[in-house]
Amino acid sequence: MLRRLHVPEFLIDVMTVMYRFVFVLLETLGRIATAQDSRLGYVNRRRAMNSAALLGSQLFVTTFRRSQRLQTALDSRGYNNSLRVLPAEYTFSQRWVWLTVCVASTMLIVSYIR
């Protein structure tokens, strides 16, 4: 939709990656907080402050490493300043439907005969 509105490709790519990383960040935050809580990291004020500081630093390091891995993956796939994804609209081909039906029916017939 954004491409139809002529939004620049770079802005679409940045928004896509940021949207993904928000959820990755939240998932990582939840896992680390659960691990700390299960080790009684928030039983008193002093340990809670220490655990929060550790959570922040570990979250930063983990996110930074994950972003480096993403950059390496993009580079290895030949990233050229454009993240191409499948369009939301798919073309429906009658030929593929008939081919699928023929192959499936042939497989059923062959398996029935044996």
PDB file of N, CA and C in Angstrom:
ATOM      1  N   MET A   1       0.822  -1.184   0.000  1.00  0.00           N
ATOM      2  CA  MET A   1       0.000   0.000   0.000  1.00  0.00           C
ATOM      3  C   MET A   1       0.869   1.253   0.000  1.00  0.00           C
ATOM      4  N   LEU A   2       1.958   1.212   0.786  1.00  0.00           N
ATOM      5  CA  LEU A   2       2.834   2.377   0.843  1.00  0.00           C
ATOM      6  C   LEU A   2       3.526   2.634  -0.493  1.00  0.00           C
ATOM      7  N   ARG A   3       3.824   1.558  -1.217  1.00  0.00           N
ATOM      8  CA  ARG A   3       4.431   1.745  -2.537  1.00  0.00           C
ATOM      9  C   ARG A   3       3.443   2.420  -3.491  1.00  0.00           C
ATOM     10  N   ARG A   4       2.177   2.065  -3.377  1.00  0.00           N
ATOM     11  CA  ARG A   4       1.158   2.715  -4.209  1.00  0.00           C
ATOM     12  C   ARG A   4       1.012   4.186  -3.876  1.00  0.00           C
ATOM     13  N   LEU A   5       1.285   4.537  -2.619  1.00  0.00           N
ATOM     14  CA  LEU A   5       1.220   5.941  -2.209  1.00  0.00           C
ATOM     15  C   LEU A   5       2.518   6.680  -2.512  1.00  0.00           C
ATOM     16  N   HIS A   6       3.452   5.998  -3.157  1.00  0.00           N
ATOM     17  CA  HIS A   6       4.740   6.555  -3.573  1.00  0.00           C
ATOM     18  C   HIS A   6       5.595   7.023  -2.406  1.00  0.00           C
ATOM     19  N   VAL A   7       5.557   6.243  -1.321  1.00  0.00           N
ATOM     20  CA  VAL A   7       6.451   6.489  -0.193  1.00  0.00           C
ATOM     21  C   VAL A   7       7.827   5.977  -0.611  1.00  0.00           C
ATOM     22  N   PRO A   8       8.911   6.699  -0.297  1.00  0.00           N
ATOM     23  CA  PRO A   8      10.249   6.247  -0.711  1.00  0.00           C
ATOM     24  C   PRO A   8      10.582   4.858  -0.170  1.00  0.00           C
ATOM     25  N   GLU A   9      11.275   4.073  -1.013  1.00  0.00           N
ATOM     26  CA  GLU A   9      11.631   2.699  -0.660  1.00  0.00           C
ATOM     27  C   GLU A   9      12.431   2.634   0.638  1.00  0.00           C
ATOM     28  N   PHE A  10      13.356   3.569   0.804  1.00  0.00           N
ATOM     29  CA  PHE A  10      14.187   3.562   2.003  1.00  0.00           C
ATOM     30  C   PHE A  10      13.337   3.692   3.259  1.00  0.00           C
ATOM     31  N   LEU A  11      12.347   4.559   3.229  1.00  0.00           N
ATOM     32  CA  LEU A  11      11.472   4.759   4.383  1.00  0.00           C
ATOM     33  C   LEU A  11      10.635   3.509   4.661  1.00  0.00           C
ATOM     34  N   ILE A  12      10.171   2.851   3.616  1.00  0.00           N
ATOM     35  CA  ILE A  12       9.406   1.611   3.789  1.00  0.00           C
ATOM     36  C   ILE A  12      10.286   0.540   4.417  1.00  0.00           C
ATOM     37  N   ASP A  13      11.534   0.431   3.945  1.00  0.00           N
ATOM     38  CA  ASP A  13      12.456  -0.560   4.492  1.00  0.00           C
ATOM     39  C   ASP A  13      12.754  -0.302   5.961  1.00  0.00           C
ATOM     40  N   VAL A  14      13.002   0.937   6.312  1.00  0.00           N
ATOM     41  CA  VAL A  14      13.285   1.285   7.707  1.00  0.00           C
ATOM     42  C   VAL A  14      12.075   0.987   8.587  1.00  0.00           C
ATOM     43  N   MET A  15      10.887   1.325   8.113  1.00  0.00           N
ATOM     44  CA  MET A  15       9.683   1.052   8.896  1.00  0.00           C
ATOM     45  C   MET A  15       9.460  -0.447   9.073  1.00  0.00           C
ATOM     46  N   THR A  16       9.743  -1.228   8.038  1.00  0.00           N
ATOM     47  CA  THR A  16       9.574  -2.676   8.110  1.00  0.00           C
ATOM     48  C   THR A  16      10.519  -3.288   9.133  1.00  0.00           C
ATOM     49  N   VAL A  17      11.781  -2.894   9.077  1.00  0.00           N
ATOM     50  CA  VAL A  17      12.775  -3.442  10.003  1.00  0.00           C
ATOM     51  C   VAL A  17      12.482  -2.989  11.433  1.00  0.00           C
ATOM     52  N   MET A  18      12.103  -1.742  11.615  1.00  0.00           N
ATOM     53  CA  MET A  18      11.797  -1.246  12.956  1.00  0.00           C
ATOM     54  C   MET A  18      10.571  -1.946  13.533  1.00  0.00           C
ATOM     55  N   TYR A  19       9.560  -2.171  12.719  1.00  0.00           N
ATOM     56  CA  TYR A  19       8.357  -2.875  13.170  1.00  0.00           C
ATOM     57  C   TYR A  19       8.718  -4.268  13.648  1.00  0.00           C
ATOM     58  N   ARG A  20       9.560  -4.945  12.881  1.00  0.00           N
ATOM     59  CA  ARG A  20       9.997  -6.297  13.262  1.00  0.00           C
ATOM     60  C   ARG A  20      10.796  -6.263  14.554  1.00  0.00           C
ATOM     61  N   PHE A  21      11.712  -5.300  14.668  1.00  0.00           N
ATOM     62  CA  PHE A  21      12.579  -5.245  15.831  1.00  0.00           C
ATOM     63  C   PHE A  21      11.847  -4.847  17.111  1.00  0.00           C
ATOM     64  N   VAL A  22      10.743  -4.138  16.989  1.00  0.00           N
ATOM     65  CA  VAL A  22       9.963  -3.823  18.190  1.00  0.00           C
ATOM     66  C   VAL A  22       9.468  -5.108  18.831  1.00  0.00           C
ATOM     67  N   PHE A  23       8.956  -6.020  18.041  1.00  0.00           N
ATOM     68  CA  PHE A  23       8.446  -7.273  18.589  1.00  0.00           C
ATOM     69  C   PHE A  23       9.566  -8.204  19.034  1.00  0.00           C
ATOM     70  N   VAL A  24      10.680  -8.186  18.326  1.00  0.00           N
ATOM     71  CA  VAL A  24      11.838  -8.972  18.752  1.00  0.00           C
ATOM     72  C   VAL A  24      12.343  -8.446  20.094  1.00  0.00           C
ATOM     73  N   LEU A  25      12.388  -7.133  20.228  1.00  0.00           N
ATOM     74  CA  LEU A  25      12.821  -6.505  21.480  1.00  0.00           C
ATOM     75  C   LEU A  25      11.884  -6.858  22.631  1.00  0.00           C
ATOM     76  N   LEU A  26      10.587  -6.806  22.390  1.00  0.00           N
ATOM     77  CA  LEU A  26       9.618  -7.150  23.435  1.00  0.00           C
ATOM     78  C   LEU A  26       9.709  -8.623  23.833  1.00  0.00           C
ATOM     79  N   GLU A  27       9.927  -9.495  22.861  1.00  0.00           N
ATOM     80  CA  GLU A  27      10.069 -10.910  23.169  1.00  0.00           C
ATOM     81  C   GLU A  27      11.325 -11.158  24.002  1.00  0.00           C
ATOM     82  N   THR A  28      12.414 -10.529  23.618  1.00  0.00           N
ATOM     83  CA  THR A  28      13.670 -10.673  24.363  1.00  0.00           C
ATOM     84  C   THR A  28      13.524 -10.120  25.768  1.00  0.00           C
ATOM     85  N   LEU A  29      12.880  -8.979  25.897  1.00  0.00           N
ATOM     86  CA  LEU A  29      12.634  -8.379  27.210  1.00  0.00           C
ATOM     87  C   LEU A  29      11.830  -9.325  28.090  1.00  0.00           C
ATOM     88  N   GLY A  30      10.796  -9.924  27.545  1.00  0.00           N
ATOM     89  CA  GLY A  30       9.977 -10.856  28.314  1.00  0.00           C
ATOM     90  C   GLY A  30      10.740 -12.091  28.759  1.00  0.00           C
ATOM     91  N   ARG A  31      11.575 -12.634  27.863  1.00  0.00           N
ATOM     92  CA  ARG A  31      12.356 -13.817  28.228  1.00  0.00           C
ATOM     93  C   ARG A  31      13.365 -13.513  29.320  1.00  0.00           C
ATOM     94  N   ILE A  32      14.063 -12.397  29.211  1.00  0.00           N
ATOM     95  CA  ILE A  32      15.069 -12.042  30.222  1.00  0.00           C
ATOM     96  C   ILE A  32      14.394 -11.749  31.552  1.00  0.00           C
ATOM     97  N   ALA A  33      13.283 -11.003  31.536  1.00  0.00           N
ATOM     98  CA  ALA A  33      12.581 -10.671  32.779  1.00  0.00           C
ATOM     99  C   ALA A  33      12.032 -11.924  33.454  1.00  0.00           C
ATOM    100  N   THR A  34      11.523 -12.869  32.663  1.00  0.00           N
ATOM    101  CA  THR A  34      11.028 -14.119  33.230  1.00  0.00           C
ATOM    102  C   THR A  34      12.162 -14.917  33.862  1.00  0.00           C
ATOM    103  N   ALA A  35      13.302 -14.953  33.185  1.00  0.00           N
ATOM    104  CA  ALA A  35      14.457 -15.669  33.727  1.00  0.00           C
ATOM    105  C   ALA A  35      14.927 -15.027  35.029  1.00  0.00           C
ATOM    106  N   GLN A  36      14.966 -13.709  35.073  1.00  0.00           N
ATOM    107  CA  GLN A  36      15.382 -13.020  36.299  1.00  0.00           C
ATOM    108  C   GLN A  36      14.375 -13.240  37.417  1.00  0.00           C
ATOM    109  N   ASP A  37      13.098 -13.182  37.072  1.00  0.00           N
ATOM    110  CA  ASP A  37      12.056 -13.369  38.084  1.00  0.00           C
ATOM    111  C   ASP A  37      12.093 -14.783  38.654  1.00  0.00           C
ATOM    112  N   SER A  38      12.374 -15.760  37.807  1.00  0.00           N
ATOM    113  CA  SER A  38      12.429 -17.134  38.300  1.00  0.00           C
ATOM    114  C   SER A  38      13.650 -17.376  39.192  1.00  0.00           C
ATOM    115  N   ARG A  39      14.647 -16.521  39.073  1.00  0.00           N
ATOM    116  CA  ARG A  39      15.823 -16.613  39.950  1.00  0.00           C
ATOM    117  C   ARG A  39      15.735 -15.630  41.116  1.00  0.00           C
ATOM    118  N   LEU A  40      14.526 -15.189  41.414  1.00  0.00           N
ATOM    119  CA  LEU A  40      14.261 -14.257  42.515  1.00  0.00           C
ATOM    120  C   LEU A  40      15.029 -12.946  42.361  1.00  0.00           C
ATOM    121  N   GLY A  41      15.028 -12.430  41.147  1.00  0.00           N
ATOM    122  CA  GLY A  41      15.746 -11.192  40.877  1.00  0.00           C
ATOM    123  C   GLY A  41      15.026  -9.946  41.341  1.00  0.00           C
ATOM    124  N   TYR A  42      13.774 -10.066  41.747  1.00  0.00           N
ATOM    125  CA  TYR A  42      12.994  -8.886  42.136  1.00  0.00           C
ATOM    126  C   TYR A  42      12.397  -9.052  43.537  1.00  0.00           C
ATOM    127  N   VAL A  43      13.097  -9.743  44.437  1.00  0.00           N
ATOM    128  CA  VAL A  43      12.536 -10.004  45.764  1.00  0.00           C
ATOM    129  C   VAL A  43      12.589  -8.785  46.666  1.00  0.00           C
ATOM    130  N   ASN A  44      13.574  -7.936  46.497  1.00  0.00           N
ATOM    131  CA  ASN A  44      13.630  -6.704  47.281  1.00  0.00           C
ATOM    132  C   ASN A  44      14.076  -5.557  46.375  1.00  0.00           C
ATOM    133  N   ARG A  45      14.089  -4.384  46.936  1.00  0.00           N
ATOM    134  CA  ARG A  45      14.371  -3.187  46.146  1.00  0.00           C
ATOM    135  C   ARG A  45      15.786  -3.202  45.560  1.00  0.00           C
ATOM    136  N   ARG A  46      16.739  -3.610  46.355  1.00  0.00           N
ATOM    137  CA  ARG A  46      18.132  -3.616  45.908  1.00  0.00           C
ATOM    138  C   ARG A  46      18.334  -4.596  44.745  1.00  0.00           C
ATOM    139  N   ARG A  47      17.806  -5.805  44.888  1.00  0.00           N
ATOM    140  CA  ARG A  47      17.941  -6.799  43.819  1.00  0.00           C
ATOM    141  C   ARG A  47      17.131  -6.412  42.588  1.00  0.00           C
ATOM    142  N   ALA A  48      16.006  -5.744  42.800  1.00  0.00           N
ATOM    143  CA  ALA A  48      15.189  -5.300  41.669  1.00  0.00           C
ATOM    144  C   ALA A  48      15.939  -4.248  40.849  1.00  0.00           C
ATOM    145  N   MET A  49      16.603  -3.313  41.521  1.00  0.00           N
ATOM    146  CA  MET A  49      17.391  -2.291  40.809  1.00  0.00           C
ATOM    147  C   MET A  49      18.558  -2.941  40.059  1.00  0.00           C
ATOM    148  N   ASN A  50      19.212  -3.889  40.715  1.00  0.00           N
ATOM    149  CA  ASN A  50      20.316  -4.583  40.074  1.00  0.00           C
ATOM    150  C   ASN A  50      19.819  -5.394  38.862  1.00  0.00           C
ATOM    151  N   SER A  51      18.708  -6.073  39.034  1.00  0.00           N
ATOM    152  CA  SER A  51      18.151  -6.875  37.938  1.00  0.00           C
ATOM    153  C   SER A  51      17.695  -5.997  36.778  1.00  0.00           C
ATOM    154  N   ALA A  52      17.120  -4.832  37.092  1.00  0.00           N
ATOM    155  CA  ALA A  52      16.685  -3.917  36.032  1.00  0.00           C
ATOM    156  C   ALA A  52      17.884  -3.399  35.240  1.00  0.00           C
ATOM    157  N   ALA A  53      18.969  -3.096  35.933  1.00  0.00           N
ATOM    158  CA  ALA A  53      20.178  -2.638  35.245  1.00  0.00           C
ATOM    159  C   ALA A  53      20.750  -3.750  34.367  1.00  0.00           C
ATOM    160  N   LEU A  54      20.789  -4.956  34.897  1.00  0.00           N
ATOM    161  CA  LEU A  54      21.272  -6.087  34.109  1.00  0.00           C
ATOM    162  C   LEU A  54      20.366  -6.351  32.915  1.00  0.00           C
ATOM    163  N   LEU A  55      19.060  -6.207  33.121  1.00  0.00           N
ATOM    164  CA  LEU A  55      18.107  -6.403  32.044  1.00  0.00           C
ATOM    165  C   LEU A  55      18.347  -5.397  30.926  1.00  0.00           C
ATOM    166  N   GLY A  56      18.537  -4.139  31.278  1.00  0.00           N
ATOM    167  CA  GLY A  56      18.776  -3.106  30.272  1.00  0.00           C
ATOM    168  C   GLY A  56      20.054  -3.343  29.491  1.00  0.00           C
ATOM    169  N   SER A  57      21.115  -3.676  30.200  1.00  0.00           N
ATOM    170  CA  SER A  57      22.389  -3.895  29.509  1.00  0.00           C
ATOM    171  C   SER A  57      22.339  -5.144  28.643  1.00  0.00           C
ATOM    172  N   GLN A  58      21.754  -6.212  29.155  1.00  0.00           N
ATOM    173  CA  GLN A  58      21.661  -7.448  28.367  1.00  0.00           C
ATOM    174  C   GLN A  58      20.740  -7.267  27.166  1.00  0.00           C
ATOM    175  N   LEU A  59      19.686  -6.497  27.346  1.00  0.00           N
ATOM    176  CA  LEU A  59      18.771  -6.226  26.238  1.00  0.00           C
ATOM    177  C   LEU A  59      19.490  -5.454  25.130  1.00  0.00           C
ATOM    178  N   PHE A  60      20.300  -4.475  25.512  1.00  0.00           N
ATOM    179  CA  PHE A  60      21.060  -3.709  24.530  1.00  0.00           C
ATOM    180  C   PHE A  60      22.041  -4.599  23.780  1.00  0.00           C
ATOM    181  N   VAL A  61      22.790  -5.407  24.504  1.00  0.00           N
ATOM    182  CA  VAL A  61      23.792  -6.273  23.884  1.00  0.00           C
ATOM    183  C   VAL A  61      23.126  -7.300  22.965  1.00  0.00           C
ATOM    184  N   THR A  62      22.062  -7.916  23.437  1.00  0.00           N
ATOM    185  CA  THR A  62      21.361  -8.923  22.639  1.00  0.00           C
ATOM    186  C   THR A  62      20.779  -8.310  21.366  1.00  0.00           C
ATOM    187  N   THR A  63      20.173  -7.153  21.487  1.00  0.00           N
ATOM    188  CA  THR A  63      19.581  -6.491  20.330  1.00  0.00           C
ATOM    189  C   THR A  63      20.661  -6.061  19.342  1.00  0.00           C
ATOM    190  N   PHE A  64      21.769  -5.565  19.851  1.00  0.00           N
ATOM    191  CA  PHE A  64      22.865  -5.148  18.981  1.00  0.00           C
ATOM    192  C   PHE A  64      23.418  -6.344  18.204  1.00  0.00           C
ATOM    193  N   ARG A  65      23.619  -7.460  18.882  1.00  0.00           N
ATOM    194  CA  ARG A  65      24.114  -8.665  18.206  1.00  0.00           C
ATOM    195  C   ARG A  65      23.121  -9.169  17.172  1.00  0.00           C
ATOM    196  N   ARG A  66      21.845  -9.113  17.500  1.00  0.00           N
ATOM    197  CA  ARG A  66      20.823  -9.567  16.562  1.00  0.00           C
ATOM    198  C   ARG A  66      20.779  -8.659  15.331  1.00  0.00           C
ATOM    199  N   SER A  67      20.963  -7.367  15.524  1.00  0.00           N
ATOM    200  CA  SER A  67      20.977  -6.459  14.378  1.00  0.00           C
ATOM    201  C   SER A  67      22.206  -6.695  13.507  1.00  0.00           C
ATOM    202  N   GLN A  68      23.335  -7.046  14.128  1.00  0.00           N
ATOM    203  CA  GLN A  68      24.521  -7.381  13.336  1.00  0.00           C
ATOM    204  C   GLN A  68      24.281  -8.646  12.509  1.00  0.00           C
ATOM    205  N   ARG A  69      23.628  -9.638  13.107  1.00  0.00           N
ATOM    206  CA  ARG A  69      23.317 -10.860  12.366  1.00  0.00           C
ATOM    207  C   ARG A  69      22.360 -10.580  11.211  1.00  0.00           C
ATOM    208  N   LEU A  70      21.400  -9.679  11.447  1.00  0.00           N
ATOM    209  CA  LEU A  70      20.468  -9.306  10.382  1.00  0.00           C
ATOM    210  C   LEU A  70      21.214  -8.620   9.242  1.00  0.00           C
ATOM    211  N   GLN A  71      22.139  -7.728   9.575  1.00  0.00           N
ATOM    212  CA  GLN A  71      22.918  -7.051   8.546  1.00  0.00           C
ATOM    213  C   GLN A  71      23.777  -8.036   7.759  1.00  0.00           C
ATOM    214  N   THR A  72      24.363  -8.996   8.458  1.00  0.00           N
ATOM    215  CA  THR A  72      25.155 -10.025   7.780  1.00  0.00           C
ATOM    216  C   THR A  72      24.282 -10.858   6.852  1.00  0.00           C
ATOM    217  N   ALA A  73      23.088 -11.203   7.317  1.00  0.00           N
ATOM    218  CA  ALA A  73      22.169 -11.979   6.479  1.00  0.00           C
ATOM    219  C   ALA A  73      21.738 -11.186   5.249  1.00  0.00           C
ATOM    220  N   LEU A  74      21.449  -9.905   5.426  1.00  0.00           N
ATOM    221  CA  LEU A  74      21.068  -9.069   4.287  1.00  0.00           C
ATOM    222  C   LEU A  74      22.216  -8.949   3.298  1.00  0.00           C
ATOM    223  N   ASP A  75      23.432  -8.756   3.811  1.00  0.00           N
ATOM    224  CA  ASP A  75      24.596  -8.646   2.923  1.00  0.00           C
ATOM    225  C   ASP A  75      24.838  -9.938   2.158  1.00  0.00           C
ATOM    226  N   SER A  76      24.662 -11.066   2.832  1.00  0.00           N
ATOM    227  CA  SER A  76      24.905 -12.345   2.167  1.00  0.00           C
ATOM    228  C   SER A  76      23.848 -12.654   1.112  1.00  0.00           C
ATOM    229  N   ARG A  77      22.684 -12.039   1.230  1.00  0.00           N
ATOM    230  CA  ARG A  77      21.620 -12.255   0.236  1.00  0.00           C
ATOM    231  C   ARG A  77      21.624 -11.183  -0.849  1.00  0.00           C
ATOM    232  N   GLY A  78      22.650 -10.351  -0.842  1.00  0.00           N
ATOM    233  CA  GLY A  78      22.762  -9.346  -1.892  1.00  0.00           C
ATOM    234  C   GLY A  78      21.840  -8.163  -1.713  1.00  0.00           C
ATOM    235  N   TYR A  79      21.716  -7.679  -0.499  1.00  0.00           N
ATOM    236  CA  TYR A  79      20.859  -6.519  -0.223  1.00  0.00           C
ATOM    237  C   TYR A  79      21.337  -5.326  -1.033  1.00  0.00           C
ATOM    238  N   ASN A  80      20.441  -4.696  -1.757  1.00  0.00           N
ATOM    239  CA  ASN A  80      20.804  -3.542  -2.588  1.00  0.00           C
ATOM    240  C   ASN A  80      19.874  -2.362  -2.316  1.00  0.00           C
ATOM    241  N   ASN A  81      19.708  -2.040  -1.054  1.00  0.00           N
ATOM    242  CA  ASN A  81      18.894  -0.896  -0.614  1.00  0.00           C
ATOM    243  C   ASN A  81      17.414  -1.056  -0.901  1.00  0.00           C
ATOM    244  N   SER A  82      16.950  -2.284  -1.007  1.00  0.00           N
ATOM    245  CA  SER A  82      15.531  -2.516  -1.222  1.00  0.00           C
ATOM    246  C   SER A  82      15.152  -3.888  -0.687  1.00  0.00           C
ATOM    247  N   LEU A  83      14.264  -3.917   0.292  1.00  0.00           N
ATOM    248  CA  LEU A  83      13.760  -5.178   0.833  1.00  0.00           C
ATOM    249  C   LEU A  83      12.541  -5.581   0.014  1.00  0.00           C
ATOM    250  N   ARG A  84      12.688  -6.596  -0.779  1.00  0.00           N
ATOM    251  CA  ARG A  84      11.577  -7.061  -1.606  1.00  0.00           C
ATOM    252  C   ARG A  84      10.814  -8.145  -0.873  1.00  0.00           C
ATOM    253  N   VAL A  85       9.518  -7.976  -0.774  1.00  0.00           N
ATOM    254  CA  VAL A  85       8.641  -8.974  -0.173  1.00  0.00           C
ATOM    255  C   VAL A  85       7.544  -9.293  -1.176  1.00  0.00           C
ATOM    256  N   LEU A  86       6.850 -10.395  -0.923  1.00  0.00           N
ATOM    257  CA  LEU A  86       5.769 -10.769  -1.820  1.00  0.00           C
ATOM    258  C   LEU A  86       4.639  -9.751  -1.746  1.00  0.00           C
ATOM    259  N   PRO A  87       4.040  -9.445  -2.855  1.00  0.00           N
ATOM    260  CA  PRO A  87       2.905  -8.515  -2.817  1.00  0.00           C
ATOM    261  C   PRO A  87       1.702  -9.157  -2.150  1.00  0.00           C
ATOM    262  N   ALA A  88       0.807  -8.328  -1.658  1.00  0.00           N
ATOM    263  CA  ALA A  88      -0.383  -8.829  -0.977  1.00  0.00           C
ATOM    264  C   ALA A  88      -1.371  -9.448  -1.961  1.00  0.00           C
ATOM    265  N   GLU A  89      -1.298  -9.051  -3.207  1.00  0.00           N
ATOM    266  CA  GLU A  89      -2.210  -9.565  -4.219  1.00  0.00           C
ATOM    267  C   GLU A  89      -1.528 -10.688  -4.984  1.00  0.00           C
ATOM    268  N   TYR A  90      -2.172 -11.834  -5.043  1.00  0.00           N
ATOM    269  CA  TYR A  90      -1.640 -12.975  -5.761  1.00  0.00           C
ATOM    270  C   TYR A  90      -2.502 -13.232  -6.981  1.00  0.00           C
ATOM    271  N   THR A  91      -1.873 -13.644  -8.047  1.00  0.00           N
ATOM    272  CA  THR A  91      -2.633 -13.973  -9.252  1.00  0.00           C
ATOM    273  C   THR A  91      -3.091 -15.419  -9.165  1.00  0.00           C
ATOM    274  N   PHE A  92      -4.298 -15.637  -9.581  1.00  0.00           N
ATOM    275  CA  PHE A  92      -4.904 -16.960  -9.530  1.00  0.00           C
ATOM    276  C   PHE A  92      -4.849 -17.542 -10.930  1.00  0.00           C
ATOM    277  N   SER A  93      -4.202 -18.685 -11.072  1.00  0.00           N
ATOM    278  CA  SER A  93      -4.028 -19.304 -12.376  1.00  0.00           C
ATOM    279  C   SER A  93      -4.832 -20.602 -12.450  1.00  0.00           C
ATOM    280  N   GLN A  94      -5.724 -20.675 -13.406  1.00  0.00           N
ATOM    281  CA  GLN A  94      -6.520 -21.884 -13.610  1.00  0.00           C
ATOM    282  C   GLN A  94      -5.636 -23.061 -14.010  1.00  0.00           C
ATOM    283  N   ARG A  95      -4.558 -22.774 -14.735  1.00  0.00           N
ATOM    284  CA  ARG A  95      -3.658 -23.835 -15.183  1.00  0.00           C
ATOM    285  C   ARG A  95      -3.039 -24.572 -13.999  1.00  0.00           C
ATOM    286  N   TRP A  96      -2.608 -23.842 -12.955  1.00  0.00           N
ATOM    287  CA  TRP A  96      -2.012 -24.486 -11.785  1.00  0.00           C
ATOM    288  C   TRP A  96      -3.039 -25.288 -10.995  1.00  0.00           C
ATOM    289  N   VAL A  97      -4.262 -24.810 -10.968  1.00  0.00           N
ATOM    290  CA  VAL A  97      -5.318 -25.554 -10.275  1.00  0.00           C
ATOM    291  C   VAL A  97      -5.555 -26.887 -10.974  1.00  0.00           C
ATOM    292  N   TRP A  98      -5.669 -26.856 -12.287  1.00  0.00           N
ATOM    293  CA  TRP A  98      -5.890 -28.090 -13.031  1.00  0.00           C
ATOM    294  C   TRP A  98      -4.687 -29.028 -12.939  1.00  0.00           C
ATOM    295  N   LEU A  99      -3.501 -28.473 -12.958  1.00  0.00           N
ATOM    296  CA  LEU A  99      -2.304 -29.296 -12.822  1.00  0.00           C
ATOM    297  C   LEU A  99      -2.267 -29.970 -11.456  1.00  0.00           C
ATOM    298  N   THR A 100      -2.624 -29.245 -10.415  1.00  0.00           N
ATOM    299  CA  THR A 100      -2.656 -29.801  -9.059  1.00  0.00           C
ATOM    300  C   THR A 100      -3.708 -30.907  -8.954  1.00  0.00           C
ATOM    301  N   VAL A 101      -4.863 -30.664  -9.520  1.00  0.00           N
ATOM    302  CA  VAL A 101      -5.929 -31.671  -9.494  1.00  0.00           C
ATOM    303  C   VAL A 101      -5.496 -32.927 -10.253  1.00  0.00           C
ATOM    304  N   CYS A 102      -4.879 -32.774 -11.398  1.00  0.00           N
ATOM    305  CA  CYS A 102      -4.417 -33.931 -12.185  1.00  0.00           C
ATOM    306  C   CYS A 102      -3.346 -34.721 -11.444  1.00  0.00           C
ATOM    307  N   VAL A 103      -2.386 -34.035 -10.857  1.00  0.00           N
ATOM    308  CA  VAL A 103      -1.321 -34.725 -10.127  1.00  0.00           C
ATOM    309  C   VAL A 103      -1.887 -35.444  -8.908  1.00  0.00           C
ATOM    310  N   ALA A 104      -2.775 -34.784  -8.166  1.00  0.00           N
ATOM    311  CA  ALA A 104      -3.363 -35.407  -6.974  1.00  0.00           C
ATOM    312  C   ALA A 104      -4.205 -36.619  -7.350  1.00  0.00           C
ATOM    313  N   SER A 105      -4.997 -36.496  -8.407  1.00  0.00           N
ATOM    314  CA  SER A 105      -5.828 -37.639  -8.804  1.00  0.00           C
ATOM    315  C   SER A 105      -4.972 -38.782  -9.335  1.00  0.00           C
ATOM    316  N   THR A 106      -3.899 -38.483 -10.044  1.00  0.00           N
ATOM    317  CA  THR A 106      -2.987 -39.531 -10.520  1.00  0.00           C
ATOM    318  C   THR A 106      -2.347 -40.253  -9.344  1.00  0.00           C
ATOM    319  N   MET A 107      -1.948 -39.509  -8.351  1.00  0.00           N
ATOM    320  CA  MET A 107      -1.342 -40.134  -7.168  1.00  0.00           C
ATOM    321  C   MET A 107      -2.352 -41.009  -6.432  1.00  0.00           C
ATOM    322  N   LEU A 108      -3.589 -40.557  -6.334  1.00  0.00           N
ATOM    323  CA  LEU A 108      -4.622 -41.372  -5.700  1.00  0.00           C
ATOM    324  C   LEU A 108      -4.900 -42.661  -6.464  1.00  0.00           C
ATOM    325  N   ILE A 109      -4.949 -42.543  -7.788  1.00  0.00           N
ATOM    326  CA  ILE A 109      -5.218 -43.718  -8.621  1.00  0.00           C
ATOM    327  C   ILE A 109      -4.074 -44.714  -8.499  1.00  0.00           C
ATOM    328  N   VAL A 110      -2.846 -44.234  -8.548  1.00  0.00           N
ATOM    329  CA  VAL A 110      -1.667 -45.102  -8.458  1.00  0.00           C
ATOM    330  C   VAL A 110      -1.616 -45.781  -7.086  1.00  0.00           C
ATOM    331  N   SER A 111      -1.908 -45.035  -6.035  1.00  0.00           N
ATOM    332  CA  SER A 111      -1.879 -45.633  -4.700  1.00  0.00           C
ATOM    333  C   SER A 111      -3.027 -46.633  -4.492  1.00  0.00           C
ATOM    334  N   TYR A 112      -4.157 -46.420  -5.173  1.00  0.00           N
ATOM    335  CA  TYR A 112      -5.287 -47.330  -5.074  1.00  0.00           C
ATOM    336  C   TYR A 112      -5.003 -48.635  -5.821  1.00  0.00           C
ATOM    337  N   ILE A 113      -4.333 -48.542  -6.962  1.00  0.00           N
ATOM    338  CA  ILE A 113      -4.023 -49.703  -7.769  1.00  0.00           C
ATOM    339  C   ILE A 113      -3.020 -50.616  -7.052  1.00  0.00           C
ATOM    340  N   ARG A 114      -2.077 -50.057  -6.381  1.00  0.00           N
ATOM    341  CA  ARG A 114      -1.057 -50.859  -5.690  1.00  0.00           C
ATOM    342  C   ARG A 114      -1.670 -51.470  -4.502  1.00  0.00           C
TER     343      ARG A 114
END
